[in-house]
PDB file of all heavy atoms in Angstrom:
ATOM      1  N   TYR A   1     -37.356 -10.346  76.589  1.00  0.00           N
ATOM      2  CA  TYR A   1     -38.349 -10.708  77.647  1.00  0.00           C
ATOM      3  C   TYR A   1     -38.077  -9.790  78.859  1.00  0.00           C
ATOM      4  O   TYR A   1     -36.942  -9.551  79.225  1.00  0.00           O
ATOM      5  CB  TYR A   1     -38.381 -12.059  78.029  1.00  0.00           C
ATOM      6  CG  TYR A   1     -38.601 -13.061  76.850  1.00  0.00           C
ATOM      7  CD1 TYR A   1     -37.520 -13.556  76.088  1.00  0.00           C
ATOM      8  CD2 TYR A   1     -39.884 -13.291  76.404  1.00  0.00           C
ATOM      9  CE1 TYR A   1     -37.765 -14.384  75.016  1.00  0.00           C
ATOM     10  CE2 TYR A   1     -40.139 -14.130  75.358  1.00  0.00           C
ATOM     11  CZ  TYR A   1     -39.079 -14.631  74.607  1.00  0.00           C
ATOM     12  OH  TYR A   1     -39.330 -15.430  73.540  1.00  0.00           O
ATOM     13  N   VAL A   2     -39.188  -9.300  79.473  1.00  0.00           N
ATOM     14  CA  VAL A   2     -39.028  -8.421  80.629  1.00  0.00           C
ATOM     15  C   VAL A   2     -40.077  -8.956  81.713  1.00  0.00           C
ATOM     16  O   VAL A   2     -41.219  -9.103  81.369  1.00  0.00           O
ATOM     17  CB  VAL A   2     -39.447  -6.976  80.335  1.00  0.00           C
ATOM     18  CG1 VAL A   2     -39.187  -6.059  81.497  1.00  0.00           C
ATOM     19  CG2 VAL A   2     -38.644  -6.527  79.095  1.00  0.00           C
ATOM     20  N   THR A   3     -39.638  -9.138  82.940  1.00  0.00           N
ATOM     21  CA  THR A   3     -40.557  -9.510  84.010  1.00  0.00           C
ATOM     22  C   THR A   3     -41.213  -8.328  84.633  1.00  0.00           C
ATOM     23  O   THR A   3     -40.616  -7.241  84.796  1.00  0.00           O
ATOM     24  CB  THR A   3     -39.811 -10.287  85.132  1.00  0.00           C
ATOM     25  OG1 THR A   3     -38.822  -9.426  85.745  1.00  0.00           O
ATOM     26  CG2 THR A   3     -39.123 -11.507  84.523  1.00  0.00           C
ATOM     27  N   GLU A   4     -42.479  -8.455  84.859  1.00  0.00           N
ATOM     28  CA  GLU A   4     -43.301  -7.383  85.473  1.00  0.00           C
ATOM     29  C   GLU A   4     -43.555  -7.728  87.001  1.00  0.00           C
ATOM     30  O   GLU A   4     -44.297  -8.573  87.313  1.00  0.00           O
ATOM     31  CB  GLU A   4     -44.704  -7.258  84.755  1.00  0.00           C
ATOM     32  CG  GLU A   4     -44.579  -6.691  83.330  1.00  0.00           C
ATOM     33  CD  GLU A   4     -44.761  -5.200  83.366  1.00  0.00           C
ATOM     34  OE1 GLU A   4     -44.308  -4.515  84.337  1.00  0.00           O
ATOM     35  OE2 GLU A   4     -45.370  -4.667  82.413  1.00  0.00           O
ATOM     36  N   LEU A   5     -42.821  -7.018  87.838  1.00  0.00           N
ATOM     37  CA  LEU A   5     -42.893  -7.228  89.270  1.00  0.00           C
ATOM     38  C   LEU A   5     -44.050  -6.449  89.912  1.00  0.00           C
ATOM     39  O   LEU A   5     -44.663  -6.876  90.871  1.00  0.00           O
ATOM     40  CB  LEU A   5     -41.651  -6.828  89.985  1.00  0.00           C
ATOM     41  CG  LEU A   5     -40.523  -7.833  90.011  1.00  0.00           C
ATOM     42  CD1 LEU A   5     -39.272  -7.212  90.673  1.00  0.00           C
ATOM     43  CD2 LEU A   5     -40.934  -9.069  90.812  1.00  0.00           C
ATOM     44  N   GLY A   6     -44.466  -5.277  89.338  1.00  0.00           N
ATOM     45  CA  GLY A   6     -45.374  -4.384  90.027  1.00  0.00           C
ATOM     46  C   GLY A   6     -46.784  -4.742  89.711  1.00  0.00           C
ATOM     47  O   GLY A   6     -47.158  -5.792  89.152  1.00  0.00           O
ATOM     48  N   GLY A   7     -47.705  -3.863  90.230  1.00  0.00           N
ATOM     49  CA  GLY A   7     -49.163  -4.064  90.034  1.00  0.00           C
ATOM     50  C   GLY A   7     -49.572  -3.597  88.718  1.00  0.00           C
ATOM     51  O   GLY A   7     -48.751  -3.377  87.806  1.00  0.00           O
ATOM     52  N   GLY A   8     -50.855  -3.379  88.507  1.00  0.00           N
ATOM     53  CA  GLY A   8     -51.426  -2.905  87.261  1.00  0.00           C
ATOM     54  C   GLY A   8     -51.963  -4.059  86.433  1.00  0.00           C
ATOM     55  O   GLY A   8     -52.100  -5.193  86.865  1.00  0.00           O
ATOM     56  N   ASP A   9     -52.326  -3.713  85.172  1.00  0.00           N
ATOM     57  CA  ASP A   9     -52.991  -4.678  84.344  1.00  0.00           C
ATOM     58  C   ASP A   9     -52.184  -5.945  84.043  1.00  0.00           C
ATOM     59  O   ASP A   9     -52.764  -7.003  83.803  1.00  0.00           O
ATOM     60  CB  ASP A   9     -53.461  -4.032  83.040  1.00  0.00           C
ATOM     61  CG  ASP A   9     -54.424  -2.951  83.257  1.00  0.00           C
ATOM     62  OD1 ASP A   9     -55.215  -2.946  84.292  1.00  0.00           O
ATOM     63  OD2 ASP A   9     -54.592  -2.042  82.394  1.00  0.00           O
ATOM     64  N   ASN A  10     -50.894  -5.815  83.959  1.00  0.00           N
ATOM     65  CA  ASN A  10     -50.044  -6.817  83.597  1.00  0.00           C
ATOM     66  C   ASN A  10     -49.174  -7.330  84.719  1.00  0.00           C
ATOM     67  O   ASN A  10     -48.094  -7.879  84.510  1.00  0.00           O
ATOM     68  CB  ASN A  10     -49.146  -6.415  82.417  1.00  0.00           C
ATOM     69  CG  ASN A  10     -49.919  -6.379  81.160  1.00  0.00           C
ATOM     70  OD1 ASN A  10     -50.854  -7.165  80.909  1.00  0.00           O
ATOM     71  ND2 ASN A  10     -49.593  -5.437  80.273  1.00  0.00           N
ATOM     72  N   GLU A  11     -49.618  -7.208  85.917  1.00  0.00           N
ATOM     73  CA  GLU A  11     -48.868  -7.767  87.085  1.00  0.00           C
ATOM     74  C   GLU A  11     -48.704  -9.243  86.904  1.00  0.00           C
ATOM     75  O   GLU A  11     -49.690  -9.977  86.613  1.00  0.00           O
ATOM     76  CB  GLU A  11     -49.632  -7.444  88.413  1.00  0.00           C
ATOM     77  CG  GLU A  11     -48.837  -7.995  89.589  1.00  0.00           C
ATOM     78  CD  GLU A  11     -49.550  -7.640  90.896  1.00  0.00           C
ATOM     79  OE1 GLU A  11     -50.685  -7.116  90.849  1.00  0.00           O
ATOM     80  OE2 GLU A  11     -48.980  -7.910  91.939  1.00  0.00           O
ATOM     81  N   GLY A  12     -47.531  -9.770  87.132  1.00  0.00           N
ATOM     82  CA  GLY A  12     -47.243 -11.167  86.968  1.00  0.00           C
ATOM     83  C   GLY A  12     -47.008 -11.632  85.564  1.00  0.00           C
ATOM     84  O   GLY A  12     -47.071 -12.772  85.262  1.00  0.00           O
ATOM     85  N   ALA A  13     -46.836 -10.645  84.604  1.00  0.00           N
ATOM     86  CA  ALA A  13     -46.674 -11.014  83.193  1.00  0.00           C
ATOM     87  C   ALA A  13     -45.207 -10.981  82.838  1.00  0.00           C
ATOM     88  O   ALA A  13     -44.392 -10.420  83.446  1.00  0.00           O
ATOM     89  CB  ALA A  13     -47.433 -10.018  82.353  1.00  0.00           C
ATOM     90  N   ILE A  14     -44.952 -11.643  81.704  1.00  0.00           N
ATOM     91  CA  ILE A  14     -43.639 -11.582  81.051  1.00  0.00           C
ATOM     92  C   ILE A  14     -43.899 -10.775  79.731  1.00  0.00           C
ATOM     93  O   ILE A  14     -44.590 -11.334  78.864  1.00  0.00           O
ATOM     94  CB  ILE A  14     -43.063 -12.946  80.714  1.00  0.00           C
ATOM     95  CG1 ILE A  14     -42.937 -13.845  81.984  1.00  0.00           C
ATOM     96  CG2 ILE A  14     -41.696 -12.816  79.985  1.00  0.00           C
ATOM     97  CD1 ILE A  14     -42.090 -13.263  83.042  1.00  0.00           C
ATOM     98  N   GLU A  15     -43.398  -9.626  79.674  1.00  0.00           N
ATOM     99  CA  GLU A  15     -43.605  -8.740  78.482  1.00  0.00           C
ATOM    100  C   GLU A  15     -42.624  -9.186  77.430  1.00  0.00           C
ATOM    101  O   GLU A  15     -41.522  -9.673  77.724  1.00  0.00           O
ATOM    102  CB  GLU A  15     -43.298  -7.312  78.849  1.00  0.00           C
ATOM    103  CG  GLU A  15     -44.258  -6.647  79.829  1.00  0.00           C
ATOM    104  CD  GLU A  15     -45.525  -6.155  79.081  1.00  0.00           C
ATOM    105  OE1 GLU A  15     -45.676  -6.312  77.877  1.00  0.00           O
ATOM    106  OE2 GLU A  15     -46.429  -5.567  79.783  1.00  0.00           O
ATOM    107  N   ARG A  16     -43.023  -8.994  76.134  1.00  0.00           N
ATOM    108  CA  ARG A  16     -42.266  -9.397  74.980  1.00  0.00           C
ATOM    109  C   ARG A  16     -42.070  -8.230  74.001  1.00  0.00           C
ATOM    110  O   ARG A  16     -43.035  -7.657  73.612  1.00  0.00           O
ATOM    111  CB  ARG A  16     -42.889 -10.570  74.282  1.00  0.00           C
ATOM    112  CG  ARG A  16     -43.044 -11.822  75.128  1.00  0.00           C
ATOM    113  CD  ARG A  16     -44.072 -12.768  74.620  1.00  0.00           C
ATOM    114  NE  ARG A  16     -43.678 -13.296  73.296  1.00  0.00           N
ATOM    115  CZ  ARG A  16     -44.351 -13.048  72.182  1.00  0.00           C
ATOM    116  NH1 ARG A  16     -45.356 -12.177  72.153  1.00  0.00           N
ATOM    117  NH2 ARG A  16     -43.895 -13.526  71.040  1.00  0.00           N
ATOM    118  N   LEU A  17     -40.787  -7.843  73.816  1.00  0.00           N
ATOM    119  CA  LEU A  17     -40.462  -6.787  72.822  1.00  0.00           C
ATOM    120  C   LEU A  17     -39.873  -7.577  71.617  1.00  0.00           C
ATOM    121  O   LEU A  17     -38.838  -8.157  71.742  1.00  0.00           O
ATOM    122  CB  LEU A  17     -39.488  -5.844  73.383  1.00  0.00           C
ATOM    123  CG  LEU A  17     -39.966  -4.976  74.575  1.00  0.00           C
ATOM    124  CD1 LEU A  17     -38.823  -4.160  75.205  1.00  0.00           C
ATOM    125  CD2 LEU A  17     -41.113  -4.070  74.216  1.00  0.00           C
ATOM    126  N   THR A  18     -40.634  -7.502  70.491  1.00  0.00           N
ATOM    127  CA  THR A  18     -40.218  -8.272  69.331  1.00  0.00           C
ATOM    128  C   THR A  18     -39.759  -7.359  68.186  1.00  0.00           C
ATOM    129  O   THR A  18     -40.360  -6.348  67.897  1.00  0.00           O
ATOM    130  CB  THR A  18     -41.437  -9.141  68.846  1.00  0.00           C
ATOM    131  OG1 THR A  18     -41.831 -10.012  69.965  1.00  0.00           O
ATOM    132  CG2 THR A  18     -40.970  -9.968  67.663  1.00  0.00           C
ATOM    133  N   TYR A  19     -38.648  -7.736  67.598  1.00  0.00           N
ATOM    134  CA  TYR A  19     -38.122  -6.949  66.517  1.00  0.00           C
ATOM    135  C   TYR A  19     -39.010  -7.035  65.267  1.00  0.00           C
ATOM    136  O   TYR A  19     -39.367  -8.121  64.836  1.00  0.00           O
ATOM    137  CB  TYR A  19     -36.709  -7.385  66.168  1.00  0.00           C
ATOM    138  CG  TYR A  19     -36.029  -6.485  65.165  1.00  0.00           C
ATOM    139  CD1 TYR A  19     -35.507  -5.239  65.622  1.00  0.00           C
ATOM    140  CD2 TYR A  19     -35.853  -6.819  63.854  1.00  0.00           C
ATOM    141  CE1 TYR A  19     -34.881  -4.392  64.691  1.00  0.00           C
ATOM    142  CE2 TYR A  19     -35.241  -5.983  62.939  1.00  0.00           C
ATOM    143  CZ  TYR A  19     -34.767  -4.726  63.364  1.00  0.00           C
ATOM    144  OH  TYR A  19     -34.134  -3.858  62.488  1.00  0.00           O
ATOM    145  N   ASN A  20     -39.300  -5.856  64.680  1.00  0.00           N
ATOM    146  CA  ASN A  20     -40.134  -5.783  63.496  1.00  0.00           C
ATOM    147  C   ASN A  20     -39.213  -5.302  62.316  1.00  0.00           C
ATOM    148  O   ASN A  20     -38.664  -4.177  62.350  1.00  0.00           O
ATOM    149  CB  ASN A  20     -41.198  -4.722  63.675  1.00  0.00           C
ATOM    150  CG  ASN A  20     -42.166  -4.657  62.492  1.00  0.00           C
ATOM    151  OD1 ASN A  20     -41.752  -4.234  61.402  1.00  0.00           O
ATOM    152  ND2 ASN A  20     -43.463  -5.048  62.680  1.00  0.00           N
ATOM    153  N   SER A  21     -39.020  -6.167  61.407  1.00  0.00           N
ATOM    154  CA  SER A  21     -38.053  -5.858  60.272  1.00  0.00           C
ATOM    155  C   SER A  21     -38.554  -4.744  59.365  1.00  0.00           C
ATOM    156  O   SER A  21     -37.726  -4.095  58.713  1.00  0.00           O
ATOM    157  CB  SER A  21     -37.853  -7.153  59.460  1.00  0.00           C
ATOM    158  OG  SER A  21     -39.094  -7.657  58.902  1.00  0.00           O
ATOM    159  N   VAL A  22     -39.844  -4.499  59.340  1.00  0.00           N
ATOM    160  CA  VAL A  22     -40.345  -3.377  58.468  1.00  0.00           C
ATOM    161  C   VAL A  22     -40.026  -2.079  59.079  1.00  0.00           C
ATOM    162  O   VAL A  22     -39.491  -1.164  58.399  1.00  0.00           O
ATOM    163  CB  VAL A  22     -41.909  -3.575  58.271  1.00  0.00           C
ATOM    164  CG1 VAL A  22     -42.398  -2.388  57.487  1.00  0.00           C
ATOM    165  CG2 VAL A  22     -42.210  -4.929  57.574  1.00  0.00           C
ATOM    166  N   SER A  23     -40.364  -1.886  60.340  1.00  0.00           N
ATOM    167  CA  SER A  23     -40.086  -0.613  61.057  1.00  0.00           C
ATOM    168  C   SER A  23     -38.635  -0.510  61.505  1.00  0.00           C
ATOM    169  O   SER A  23     -38.203   0.524  61.961  1.00  0.00           O
ATOM    170  CB  SER A  23     -41.087  -0.440  62.191  1.00  0.00           C
ATOM    171  OG  SER A  23     -40.909  -1.406  63.179  1.00  0.00           O
ATOM    172  N   GLN A  24     -37.974  -1.707  61.451  1.00  0.00           N
ATOM    173  CA  GLN A  24     -36.594  -1.795  62.015  1.00  0.00           C
ATOM    174  C   GLN A  24     -36.498  -1.311  63.481  1.00  0.00           C
ATOM    175  O   GLN A  24     -35.681  -0.539  63.847  1.00  0.00           O
ATOM    176  CB  GLN A  24     -35.598  -1.072  61.143  1.00  0.00           C
ATOM    177  CG  GLN A  24     -35.503  -1.685  59.726  1.00  0.00           C
ATOM    178  CD  GLN A  24     -34.416  -1.006  58.859  1.00  0.00           C
ATOM    179  OE1 GLN A  24     -33.879   0.040  59.220  1.00  0.00           O
ATOM    180  NE2 GLN A  24     -33.993  -1.718  57.840  1.00  0.00           N
ATOM    181  N   SER A  25     -37.478  -1.767  64.276  1.00  0.00           N
ATOM    182  CA  SER A  25     -37.531  -1.351  65.661  1.00  0.00           C
ATOM    183  C   SER A  25     -38.189  -2.475  66.422  1.00  0.00           C
ATOM    184  O   SER A  25     -38.840  -3.371  65.871  1.00  0.00           O
ATOM    185  CB  SER A  25     -38.265  -0.071  65.842  1.00  0.00           C
ATOM    186  OG  SER A  25     -39.643  -0.192  65.396  1.00  0.00           O
ATOM    187  N   PHE A  26     -38.082  -2.414  67.745  1.00  0.00           N
ATOM    188  CA  PHE A  26     -38.772  -3.316  68.612  1.00  0.00           C
ATOM    189  C   PHE A  26     -40.125  -2.861  68.954  1.00  0.00           C
ATOM    190  O   PHE A  26     -40.329  -1.677  69.318  1.00  0.00           O
ATOM    191  CB  PHE A  26     -37.933  -3.610  69.838  1.00  0.00           C
ATOM    192  CG  PHE A  26     -36.771  -4.541  69.700  1.00  0.00           C
ATOM    193  CD1 PHE A  26     -35.540  -3.958  69.285  1.00  0.00           C
ATOM    194  CD2 PHE A  26     -36.838  -5.789  69.991  1.00  0.00           C
ATOM    195  CE1 PHE A  26     -34.455  -4.810  69.066  1.00  0.00           C
ATOM    196  CE2 PHE A  26     -35.767  -6.679  69.793  1.00  0.00           C
ATOM    197  CZ  PHE A  26     -34.526  -6.201  69.343  1.00  0.00           C
ATOM    198  N   ILE A  27     -41.130  -3.686  68.938  1.00  0.00           N
ATOM    199  CA  ILE A  27     -42.493  -3.379  69.284  1.00  0.00           C
ATOM    200  C   ILE A  27     -42.974  -4.273  70.359  1.00  0.00           C
ATOM    201  O   ILE A  27     -42.524  -5.381  70.546  1.00  0.00           O
ATOM    202  CB  ILE A  27     -43.432  -3.405  68.055  1.00  0.00           C
ATOM    203  CG1 ILE A  27     -43.490  -4.830  67.531  1.00  0.00           C
ATOM    204  CG2 ILE A  27     -42.984  -2.433  67.011  1.00  0.00           C
ATOM    205  CD1 ILE A  27     -44.471  -4.962  66.362  1.00  0.00           C
ATOM    206  N   ARG A  28     -43.940  -3.798  71.103  1.00  0.00           N
ATOM    207  CA  ARG A  28     -44.463  -4.601  72.266  1.00  0.00           C
ATOM    208  C   ARG A  28     -45.379  -5.732  71.695  1.00  0.00           C
ATOM    209  O   ARG A  28     -46.315  -5.423  71.002  1.00  0.00           O
ATOM    210  CB  ARG A  28     -45.261  -3.664  73.187  1.00  0.00           C
ATOM    211  CG  ARG A  28     -45.687  -4.347  74.469  1.00  0.00           C
ATOM    212  CD  ARG A  28     -46.548  -3.335  75.234  1.00  0.00           C
ATOM    213  NE  ARG A  28     -46.920  -3.887  76.597  1.00  0.00           N
ATOM    214  CZ  ARG A  28     -47.835  -3.219  77.346  1.00  0.00           C
ATOM    215  NH1 ARG A  28     -48.340  -2.161  76.936  1.00  0.00           N
ATOM    216  NH2 ARG A  28     -48.110  -3.771  78.552  1.00  0.00           N
ATOM    217  N   GLY A  29     -45.037  -6.937  72.054  1.00  0.00           N
ATOM    218  CA  GLY A  29     -45.816  -8.055  71.671  1.00  0.00           C
ATOM    219  C   GLY A  29     -46.858  -8.409  72.750  1.00  0.00           C
ATOM    220  O   GLY A  29     -47.007  -7.702  73.787  1.00  0.00           O
ATOM    221  N   THR A  30     -47.582  -9.503  72.537  1.00  0.00           N
ATOM    222  CA  THR A  30     -48.575  -9.981  73.536  1.00  0.00           C
ATOM    223  C   THR A  30     -47.786 -10.505  74.746  1.00  0.00           C
ATOM    224  O   THR A  30     -46.967 -11.441  74.570  1.00  0.00           O
ATOM    225  CB  THR A  30     -49.436 -11.070  72.927  1.00  0.00           C
ATOM    226  OG1 THR A  30     -50.023 -10.596  71.730  1.00  0.00           O
ATOM    227  CG2 THR A  30     -50.488 -11.521  73.893  1.00  0.00           C
ATOM    228  N   PRO A  31     -48.092  -9.987  75.930  1.00  0.00           N
ATOM    229  CA  PRO A  31     -47.486 -10.544  77.150  1.00  0.00           C
ATOM    230  C   PRO A  31     -47.867 -11.995  77.433  1.00  0.00           C
ATOM    231  O   PRO A  31     -48.970 -12.425  76.962  1.00  0.00           O
ATOM    232  CB  PRO A  31     -47.991  -9.630  78.259  1.00  0.00           C
ATOM    233  CG  PRO A  31     -48.571  -8.448  77.547  1.00  0.00           C
ATOM    234  CD  PRO A  31     -49.038  -8.862  76.270  1.00  0.00           C
ATOM    235  N   VAL A  32     -47.008 -12.720  78.078  1.00  0.00           N
ATOM    236  CA  VAL A  32     -47.326 -14.091  78.492  1.00  0.00           C
ATOM    237  C   VAL A  32     -47.697 -14.005  79.943  1.00  0.00           C
ATOM    238  O   VAL A  32     -46.971 -13.434  80.750  1.00  0.00           O
ATOM    239  CB  VAL A  32     -46.112 -15.033  78.282  1.00  0.00           C
ATOM    240  CG1 VAL A  32     -46.431 -16.450  78.855  1.00  0.00           C
ATOM    241  CG2 VAL A  32     -45.771 -15.063  76.861  1.00  0.00           C
ATOM    242  N   GLY A  33     -48.888 -14.515  80.295  1.00  0.00           N
ATOM    243  CA  GLY A  33     -49.359 -14.480  81.669  1.00  0.00           C
ATOM    244  C   GLY A  33     -49.854 -13.056  81.983  1.00  0.00           C
ATOM    245  O   GLY A  33     -49.669 -12.555  83.084  1.00  0.00           O
TER     246      GLY A  33
END
């Protein structure tokens, strides 16, 4: 989880990077807020 302090489309959001077992990498998930 990453907090978004700045402006822009996702200001005030909690970003989510979720591990994908197929690609074996972290991908950006749907932000909360």
